[in-house]
Amino acid sequence: MTFIKSDVEECEEIGNHFNIEVVPQVKVFRRTATELHEIKTYIGHDSIKVKELLQTITE
């Protein structure tokens, strides 16, 4: 799973928590291990949206 980097430290913290890779300038969430569909969503600079989208995908 990858997601666009907005706040480096916060995204790294989220990435470490969910064991996912933080990739700068990538606008796609991908969960290849479970073969989920890609969700092509621009996250912008709101880290709360990152958390909400991660929560939605990982539930």
C-alpha atoms as a PDB file:
ATOM      1  CA  MET A   1       0.000   0.000   0.000  1.00  0.00           C
ATOM      2  CA  THR A   2       1.335   3.410  -0.875  1.00  0.00           C
ATOM      3  CA  PHE A   3       0.086   6.908  -0.302  1.00  0.00           C
ATOM      4  CA  ILE A   4       1.097  10.443  -1.132  1.00  0.00           C
ATOM      5  CA  LYS A   5       3.370  12.065   1.406  1.00  0.00           C
ATOM      6  CA  SER A   6       1.881  15.175   2.995  1.00  0.00           C
ATOM      7  CA  ASP A   7       3.578  15.490   6.371  1.00  0.00           C
ATOM      8  CA  VAL A   8       6.737  13.388   6.306  1.00  0.00           C
ATOM      9  CA  GLU A   9       6.918  12.482   9.984  1.00  0.00           C
ATOM     10  CA  GLU A  10       3.222  11.787  10.384  1.00  0.00           C
ATOM     11  CA  CYS A  11       3.047   9.705   7.228  1.00  0.00           C
ATOM     12  CA  GLU A  12       6.089   7.709   8.301  1.00  0.00           C
ATOM     13  CA  GLU A  13       4.444   7.114  11.677  1.00  0.00           C
ATOM     14  CA  ILE A  14       1.225   5.969   9.995  1.00  0.00           C
ATOM     15  CA  GLY A  15       3.211   3.867   7.547  1.00  0.00           C
ATOM     16  CA  ASN A  16       5.127   2.152  10.322  1.00  0.00           C
ATOM     17  CA  HIS A  17       1.926   1.496  12.270  1.00  0.00           C
ATOM     18  CA  PHE A  18       0.191  -0.147   9.318  1.00  0.00           C
ATOM     19  CA  ASN A  19       3.413  -1.669   7.944  1.00  0.00           C
ATOM     20  CA  ILE A  20       3.015   0.136   4.624  1.00  0.00           C
ATOM     21  CA  GLU A  21       5.449   2.003   2.443  1.00  0.00           C
ATOM     22  CA  VAL A  22       5.444   5.794   2.254  1.00  0.00           C
ATOM     23  CA  VAL A  23       6.116   6.881  -1.318  1.00  0.00           C
ATOM     24  CA  PRO A  24       6.395  10.572  -2.172  1.00  0.00           C
ATOM     25  CA  GLN A  25       4.288  11.902  -5.060  1.00  0.00           C
ATOM     26  CA  VAL A  26       2.245   8.718  -5.417  1.00  0.00           C
ATOM     27  CA  LYS A  27      -1.488   9.396  -5.502  1.00  0.00           C
ATOM     28  CA  VAL A  28      -2.654   5.800  -5.224  1.00  0.00           C
ATOM     29  CA  PHE A  29      -3.523   3.622  -2.285  1.00  0.00           C
ATOM     30  CA  ARG A  30      -2.590   0.074  -3.115  1.00  0.00           C
ATOM     31  CA  ARG A  31      -2.965  -3.046  -1.038  1.00  0.00           C
ATOM     32  CA  THR A  32      -1.316  -5.607  -3.273  1.00  0.00           C
ATOM     33  CA  ALA A  33      -1.018  -8.287  -0.603  1.00  0.00           C
ATOM     34  CA  THR A  34      -4.781  -8.716  -0.488  1.00  0.00           C
ATOM     35  CA  GLU A  35      -5.324  -7.720  -4.132  1.00  0.00           C
ATOM     36  CA  LEU A  36      -7.700  -4.898  -3.280  1.00  0.00           C
ATOM     37  CA  HIS A  37      -8.600  -2.473  -6.038  1.00  0.00           C
ATOM     38  CA  GLU A  38      -6.528   0.650  -6.320  1.00  0.00           C
ATOM     39  CA  ILE A  39      -8.248   3.715  -4.955  1.00  0.00           C
ATOM     40  CA  LYS A  40      -6.969   6.657  -6.935  1.00  0.00           C
ATOM     41  CA  THR A  41      -7.497   9.525  -4.547  1.00  0.00           C
ATOM     42  CA  TYR A  42      -5.563  12.726  -4.200  1.00  0.00           C
ATOM     43  CA  ILE A  43      -5.089  13.287  -0.501  1.00  0.00           C
ATOM     44  CA  GLY A  44      -3.666  16.794  -0.489  1.00  0.00           C
ATOM     45  CA  HIS A  45      -2.009  18.143   2.624  1.00  0.00           C
ATOM     46  CA  ASP A  46      -4.604  17.190   5.233  1.00  0.00           C
ATOM     47  CA  SER A  47      -3.114  14.404   7.325  1.00  0.00           C
ATOM     48  CA  ILE A  48      -6.522  13.780   8.910  1.00  0.00           C
ATOM     49  CA  LYS A  49      -7.773  12.709   5.475  1.00  0.00           C
ATOM     50  CA  VAL A  50      -4.832  10.313   5.266  1.00  0.00           C
ATOM     51  CA  LYS A  51      -5.859   8.736   8.570  1.00  0.00           C
ATOM     52  CA  GLU A  52      -9.536   8.552   7.583  1.00  0.00           C
ATOM     53  CA  LEU A  53      -8.743   6.942   4.235  1.00  0.00           C
ATOM     54  CA  LEU A  54      -6.333   4.490   5.839  1.00  0.00           C
ATOM     55  CA  GLN A  55      -8.982   3.573   8.394  1.00  0.00           C
ATOM     56  CA  THR A  56     -11.550   3.045   5.637  1.00  0.00           C
ATOM     57  CA  ILE A  57      -9.235   0.847   3.601  1.00  0.00           C
ATOM     58  CA  THR A  58      -7.917  -1.227   6.486  1.00  0.00           C
ATOM     59  CA  GLU A  59     -11.284  -1.976   8.110  1.00  0.00           C
END
